[in-house]
Amino acid sequence: MVARSAWARARYRARQLAWGWRERLAPEQIEQIRALLTPAELRLFVAMDDRDQLHSHRLLRGLLASAPAPGGAEPSRALLAAALLHDVGKGKLATRHRVAYVLLNAAAPRLTRRLERPDGAAWRGALWRLRHHARLGAERLAASGSAPRVIALVAGHTSPPGDDGELAWMIAVDADS
């Protein structure tokens, strides 16, 4: 079971990598994004790597396609904004840093944690940002004046959701996008 789960995660990551090389946001997708984000949030979204923008838009589409959520709720504006902004804390990352993080974290998570440094060389800083991107993103969103609910959803998207149904929904759809 563990090997299959690891294989499924590896396929998912490979798919993400391939998508990032061939997809671009279409004009209608950009308009959809503009309609959901404040001007300050839009600036943060535009500053994200193209790969993260595409992934975030896939998460948005997944939430809209799976609506209503379990329990009958429609996605809130805060949830949709958080979907678009959930990876804003990663900053600009080279593909090699993303691949190194995924492989190292899968093979030797403790070693990965020892190598991470917030003020380290490019690759060490990249590993640190990848691990802490939820908190870093929440800090950026707070500084830009985002709604508290958007900040909370972004901050929590890499942790167990507890009894937060919207967060659980976002995490589940994120796992497939």
C-alpha atoms as a PDB file:
ATOM      1  CA  MET A   1       0.000   0.000   0.000  1.00  0.00           C
ATOM      2  CA  VAL A   2       2.801   2.461   0.877  1.00  0.00           C
ATOM      3  CA  ALA A   3       4.626   1.764  -2.396  1.00  0.00           C
ATOM      4  CA  ARG A   4       1.448   2.367  -4.376  1.00  0.00           C
ATOM      5  CA  SER A   5       0.867   5.624  -2.539  1.00  0.00           C
ATOM      6  CA  ALA A   6       4.439   6.724  -3.274  1.00  0.00           C
ATOM      7  CA  TRP A   7       3.954   5.755  -6.925  1.00  0.00           C
ATOM      8  CA  ALA A   8       0.717   7.752  -7.096  1.00  0.00           C
ATOM      9  CA  ARG A   9       2.471  10.803  -5.617  1.00  0.00           C
ATOM     10  CA  ALA A  10       5.334  10.447  -8.097  1.00  0.00           C
ATOM     11  CA  ARG A  11       2.891  10.301 -11.031  1.00  0.00           C
ATOM     12  CA  TYR A  12       1.075  13.359  -9.692  1.00  0.00           C
ATOM     13  CA  ARG A  13       4.331  15.328  -9.414  1.00  0.00           C
ATOM     14  CA  ALA A  14       5.416  14.252 -12.910  1.00  0.00           C
ATOM     15  CA  ARG A  15       2.043  15.391 -14.258  1.00  0.00           C
ATOM     16  CA  GLN A  16       2.459  18.757 -12.545  1.00  0.00           C
ATOM     17  CA  LEU A  17       5.887  19.170 -14.108  1.00  0.00           C
ATOM     18  CA  ALA A  18       4.599  18.342 -17.600  1.00  0.00           C
ATOM     19  CA  TRP A  19       1.617  20.680 -17.264  1.00  0.00           C
ATOM     20  CA  GLY A  20       3.903  23.553 -16.335  1.00  0.00           C
ATOM     21  CA  TRP A  21       5.886  23.188 -19.543  1.00  0.00           C
ATOM     22  CA  ARG A  22       3.013  23.181 -21.980  1.00  0.00           C
ATOM     23  CA  GLU A  23       0.086  25.129 -20.536  1.00  0.00           C
ATOM     24  CA  ARG A  24      -0.539  28.857 -20.361  1.00  0.00           C
ATOM     25  CA  LEU A  25      -3.452  30.748 -18.879  1.00  0.00           C
ATOM     26  CA  ALA A  26      -6.014  31.714 -21.504  1.00  0.00           C
ATOM     27  CA  PRO A  27      -7.486  35.245 -21.626  1.00  0.00           C
ATOM     28  CA  GLU A  28     -10.828  34.044 -20.224  1.00  0.00           C
ATOM     29  CA  GLN A  29      -9.033  32.358 -17.327  1.00  0.00           C
ATOM     30  CA  ILE A  30      -7.153  35.574 -16.594  1.00  0.00           C
ATOM     31  CA  GLU A  31     -10.465  37.466 -16.511  1.00  0.00           C
ATOM     32  CA  GLN A  32     -11.903  34.874 -14.131  1.00  0.00           C
ATOM     33  CA  ILE A  33      -8.895  35.332 -11.847  1.00  0.00           C
ATOM     34  CA  ARG A  34      -9.173  39.136 -11.959  1.00  0.00           C
ATOM     35  CA  ALA A  35     -12.824  38.919 -10.955  1.00  0.00           C
ATOM     36  CA  LEU A  36     -11.999  36.870  -7.833  1.00  0.00           C
ATOM     37  CA  LEU A  37      -8.952  38.701  -6.472  1.00  0.00           C
ATOM     38  CA  THR A  38      -8.411  42.147  -5.030  1.00  0.00           C
ATOM     39  CA  PRO A  39      -5.822  44.303  -6.843  1.00  0.00           C
ATOM     40  CA  ALA A  40      -3.227  43.515  -4.148  1.00  0.00           C
ATOM     41  CA  GLU A  41      -3.969  39.769  -4.353  1.00  0.00           C
ATOM     42  CA  LEU A  42      -3.768  39.919  -8.136  1.00  0.00           C
ATOM     43  CA  ARG A  43      -0.280  41.428  -7.896  1.00  0.00           C
ATOM     44  CA  LEU A  44       0.769  38.521  -5.665  1.00  0.00           C
ATOM     45  CA  PHE A  45      -0.780  36.026  -8.091  1.00  0.00           C
ATOM     46  CA  VAL A  46       1.001  37.572 -11.093  1.00  0.00           C
ATOM     47  CA  ALA A  47       4.328  37.407  -9.202  1.00  0.00           C
ATOM     48  CA  MET A  48       3.967  33.622  -8.784  1.00  0.00           C
ATOM     49  CA  ASP A  49       5.765  31.199 -11.090  1.00  0.00           C
ATOM     50  CA  ASP A  50       3.738  30.324 -14.183  1.00  0.00           C
ATOM     51  CA  ARG A  51       3.687  26.713 -12.978  1.00  0.00           C
ATOM     52  CA  ASP A  52       2.111  27.744  -9.653  1.00  0.00           C
ATOM     53  CA  GLN A  53      -0.394  29.993 -11.411  1.00  0.00           C
ATOM     54  CA  LEU A  54      -1.499  27.091 -13.596  1.00  0.00           C
ATOM     55  CA  HIS A  55      -1.730  24.713 -10.649  1.00  0.00           C
ATOM     56  CA  SER A  56      -3.738  27.257  -8.673  1.00  0.00           C
ATOM     57  CA  HIS A  57      -6.155  27.762 -11.554  1.00  0.00           C
ATOM     58  CA  ARG A  58      -6.589  23.970 -11.842  1.00  0.00           C
ATOM     59  CA  LEU A  59      -7.468  23.942  -8.138  1.00  0.00           C
ATOM     60  CA  LEU A  60     -10.020  26.703  -8.730  1.00  0.00           C
ATOM     61  CA  ARG A  61     -11.545  24.746 -11.637  1.00  0.00           C
ATOM     62  CA  GLY A  62     -11.613  21.591  -9.517  1.00  0.00           C
ATOM     63  CA  LEU A  63     -13.472  23.337  -6.711  1.00  0.00           C
ATOM     64  CA  LEU A  64     -16.002  24.805  -9.119  1.00  0.00           C
ATOM     65  CA  ALA A  65     -16.459  21.456 -10.891  1.00  0.00           C
ATOM     66  CA  SER A  66     -16.970  19.588  -7.618  1.00  0.00           C
ATOM     67  CA  ALA A  67     -19.429  22.121  -6.175  1.00  0.00           C
ATOM     68  CA  PRO A  68     -21.423  21.885  -4.100  1.00  0.00           C
ATOM     69  CA  ALA A  69     -19.116  20.657  -1.381  1.00  0.00           C
ATOM     70  CA  PRO A  70     -20.024  17.735   0.813  1.00  0.00           C
ATOM     71  CA  GLY A  71     -22.809  19.140   2.937  1.00  0.00           C
ATOM     72  CA  GLY A  72     -24.244  21.181   0.062  1.00  0.00           C
ATOM     73  CA  ALA A  73     -22.193  24.364   0.369  1.00  0.00           C
ATOM     74  CA  GLU A  74     -21.162  26.398  -2.638  1.00  0.00           C
ATOM     75  CA  PRO A  75     -17.559  27.629  -2.640  1.00  0.00           C
ATOM     76  CA  SER A  76     -17.192  30.993  -0.948  1.00  0.00           C
ATOM     77  CA  ARG A  77     -15.307  33.873  -2.536  1.00  0.00           C
ATOM     78  CA  ALA A  78     -12.663  33.416   0.177  1.00  0.00           C
ATOM     79  CA  LEU A  79     -12.210  29.748  -0.731  1.00  0.00           C
ATOM     80  CA  LEU A  80     -11.864  30.544  -4.430  1.00  0.00           C
ATOM     81  CA  ALA A  81      -9.357  33.328  -3.723  1.00  0.00           C
ATOM     82  CA  ALA A  82      -7.402  31.011  -1.397  1.00  0.00           C
ATOM     83  CA  ALA A  83      -7.319  28.371  -4.132  1.00  0.00           C
ATOM     84  CA  LEU A  84      -5.689  30.879  -6.461  1.00  0.00           C
ATOM     85  CA  LEU A  85      -3.251  32.121  -3.808  1.00  0.00           C
ATOM     86  CA  HIS A  86      -2.438  28.995  -1.790  1.00  0.00           C
ATOM     87  CA  ASP A  87       1.106  28.679  -3.206  1.00  0.00           C
ATOM     88  CA  VAL A  88       2.001  32.382  -3.191  1.00  0.00           C
ATOM     89  CA  GLY A  89       4.569  31.791  -0.443  1.00  0.00           C
ATOM     90  CA  LYS A  90       6.813  29.677  -2.659  1.00  0.00           C
ATOM     91  CA  GLY A  91       8.255  32.596  -4.597  1.00  0.00           C
ATOM     92  CA  LYS A  92      10.250  31.962  -7.748  1.00  0.00           C
ATOM     93  CA  LEU A  93      11.699  28.459  -7.845  1.00  0.00           C
ATOM     94  CA  ALA A  94      13.807  26.628 -10.373  1.00  0.00           C
ATOM     95  CA  THR A  95      12.470  23.296 -11.586  1.00  0.00           C
ATOM     96  CA  ARG A  96      15.549  21.562 -10.174  1.00  0.00           C
ATOM     97  CA  HIS A  97      14.731  22.887  -6.697  1.00  0.00           C
ATOM     98  CA  ARG A  98      11.158  21.575  -6.896  1.00  0.00           C
ATOM     99  CA  VAL A  99      12.360  18.174  -8.090  1.00  0.00           C
ATOM    100  CA  ALA A 100      15.085  18.025  -5.435  1.00  0.00           C
ATOM    101  CA  TYR A 101      12.569  18.866  -2.704  1.00  0.00           C
ATOM    102  CA  VAL A 102      10.088  16.196  -3.801  1.00  0.00           C
ATOM    103  CA  LEU A 103      12.762  13.501  -4.152  1.00  0.00           C
ATOM    104  CA  LEU A 104      14.667  14.399  -0.991  1.00  0.00           C
ATOM    105  CA  ASN A 105      11.527  14.752   1.079  1.00  0.00           C
ATOM    106  CA  ALA A 106      10.247  11.374  -0.131  1.00  0.00           C
ATOM    107  CA  ALA A 107      13.560   9.581   0.439  1.00  0.00           C
ATOM    108  CA  ALA A 108      14.985  11.362   3.479  1.00  0.00           C
ATOM    109  CA  PRO A 109      12.657  13.912   5.085  1.00  0.00           C
ATOM    110  CA  ARG A 110      14.921  14.465   8.095  1.00  0.00           C
ATOM    111  CA  LEU A 111      17.878  15.176   5.826  1.00  0.00           C
ATOM    112  CA  THR A 112      15.745  17.622   3.855  1.00  0.00           C
ATOM    113  CA  ARG A 113      14.880  19.492   7.059  1.00  0.00           C
ATOM    114  CA  ARG A 114      18.566  19.684   8.000  1.00  0.00           C
ATOM    115  CA  LEU A 115      19.471  21.074   4.581  1.00  0.00           C
ATOM    116  CA  GLU A 116      16.752  23.780   4.579  1.00  0.00           C
ATOM    117  CA  ARG A 117      17.792  27.296   5.559  1.00  0.00           C
ATOM    118  CA  PRO A 118      15.668  30.446   5.368  1.00  0.00           C
ATOM    119  CA  ASP A 119      18.775  32.497   4.619  1.00  0.00           C
ATOM    120  CA  GLY A 120      20.749  29.738   2.895  1.00  0.00           C
ATOM    121  CA  ALA A 121      22.133  29.419  -0.612  1.00  0.00           C
ATOM    122  CA  ALA A 122      19.577  29.411  -3.420  1.00  0.00           C
ATOM    123  CA  TRP A 123      18.830  25.690  -3.197  1.00  0.00           C
ATOM    124  CA  ARG A 124      18.718  25.610   0.613  1.00  0.00           C
ATOM    125  CA  GLY A 125      16.439  28.631   0.707  1.00  0.00           C
ATOM    126  CA  ALA A 126      14.229  27.051  -1.951  1.00  0.00           C
ATOM    127  CA  LEU A 127      13.863  23.890   0.131  1.00  0.00           C
ATOM    128  CA  TRP A 128      12.920  26.008   3.148  1.00  0.00           C
ATOM    129  CA  ARG A 129      10.352  28.058   1.179  1.00  0.00           C
ATOM    130  CA  LEU A 130       8.768  24.887  -0.190  1.00  0.00           C
ATOM    131  CA  ARG A 131       8.353  23.441   3.304  1.00  0.00           C
ATOM    132  CA  HIS A 132       7.045  26.705   4.825  1.00  0.00           C
ATOM    133  CA  HIS A 133       5.166  28.156   1.860  1.00  0.00           C
ATOM    134  CA  ALA A 134       1.751  28.037   3.547  1.00  0.00           C
ATOM    135  CA  ARG A 135       2.888  30.255   6.422  1.00  0.00           C
ATOM    136  CA  LEU A 136       4.916  32.514   4.128  1.00  0.00           C
ATOM    137  CA  GLY A 137       1.940  32.912   1.811  1.00  0.00           C
ATOM    138  CA  ALA A 138      -0.359  33.759   4.708  1.00  0.00           C
ATOM    139  CA  GLU A 139       2.119  36.419   5.848  1.00  0.00           C
ATOM    140  CA  ARG A 140       2.228  37.940   2.359  1.00  0.00           C
ATOM    141  CA  LEU A 141      -1.550  37.937   2.139  1.00  0.00           C
ATOM    142  CA  ALA A 142      -1.888  39.560   5.569  1.00  0.00           C
ATOM    143  CA  ALA A 143       0.575  42.274   4.538  1.00  0.00           C
ATOM    144  CA  SER A 144      -1.450  42.909   1.367  1.00  0.00           C
ATOM    145  CA  GLY A 145      -4.731  43.289   3.266  1.00  0.00           C
ATOM    146  CA  SER A 146      -6.435  40.027   2.288  1.00  0.00           C
ATOM    147  CA  ALA A 147      -9.497  38.891   4.192  1.00  0.00           C
ATOM    148  CA  PRO A 148      -8.789  36.890   7.359  1.00  0.00           C
ATOM    149  CA  ARG A 149     -10.591  33.835   5.941  1.00  0.00           C
ATOM    150  CA  VAL A 150      -8.403  33.798   2.795  1.00  0.00           C
ATOM    151  CA  ILE A 151      -5.311  34.049   5.011  1.00  0.00           C
ATOM    152  CA  ALA A 152      -6.522  31.214   7.266  1.00  0.00           C
ATOM    153  CA  LEU A 153      -7.242  28.909   4.330  1.00  0.00           C
ATOM    154  CA  VAL A 154      -3.820  29.544   2.778  1.00  0.00           C
ATOM    155  CA  ALA A 155      -2.072  29.113   6.140  1.00  0.00           C
ATOM    156  CA  GLY A 156      -3.828  25.801   6.770  1.00  0.00           C
ATOM    157  CA  HIS A 157      -3.632  24.141   3.373  1.00  0.00           C
ATOM    158  CA  THR A 158      -0.624  21.964   4.246  1.00  0.00           C
ATOM    159  CA  SER A 159      -1.937  20.842   7.641  1.00  0.00           C
ATOM    160  CA  PRO A 160      -4.755  18.530   8.693  1.00  0.00           C
ATOM    161  CA  PRO A 161      -7.992  20.499   8.275  1.00  0.00           C
ATOM    162  CA  GLY A 162      -9.602  19.596  11.588  1.00  0.00           C
ATOM    163  CA  ASP A 163     -13.302  20.373  11.424  1.00  0.00           C
ATOM    164  CA  ASP A 164     -12.964  23.094   8.748  1.00  0.00           C
ATOM    165  CA  GLY A 165     -15.052  21.748   5.874  1.00  0.00           C
ATOM    166  CA  GLU A 166     -13.916  24.339   3.338  1.00  0.00           C
ATOM    167  CA  LEU A 167     -10.267  23.712   4.111  1.00  0.00           C
ATOM    168  CA  ALA A 168     -10.785  19.933   3.872  1.00  0.00           C
ATOM    169  CA  TRP A 169     -12.486  20.425   0.494  1.00  0.00           C
ATOM    170  CA  MET A 170      -9.614  22.588  -0.785  1.00  0.00           C
ATOM    171  CA  ILE A 171      -6.985  20.102   0.412  1.00  0.00           C
ATOM    172  CA  ALA A 172      -8.815  17.163  -1.213  1.00  0.00           C
ATOM    173  CA  VAL A 173      -9.192  18.918  -4.560  1.00  0.00           C
ATOM    174  CA  ASP A 174      -5.598  20.238  -4.354  1.00  0.00           C
ATOM    175  CA  ALA A 175      -4.351  16.652  -4.089  1.00  0.00           C
ATOM    176  CA  ASP A 176      -5.829  15.974  -7.559  1.00  0.00           C
ATOM    177  CA  SER A 177      -4.899  19.209  -9.273  1.00  0.00           C
END
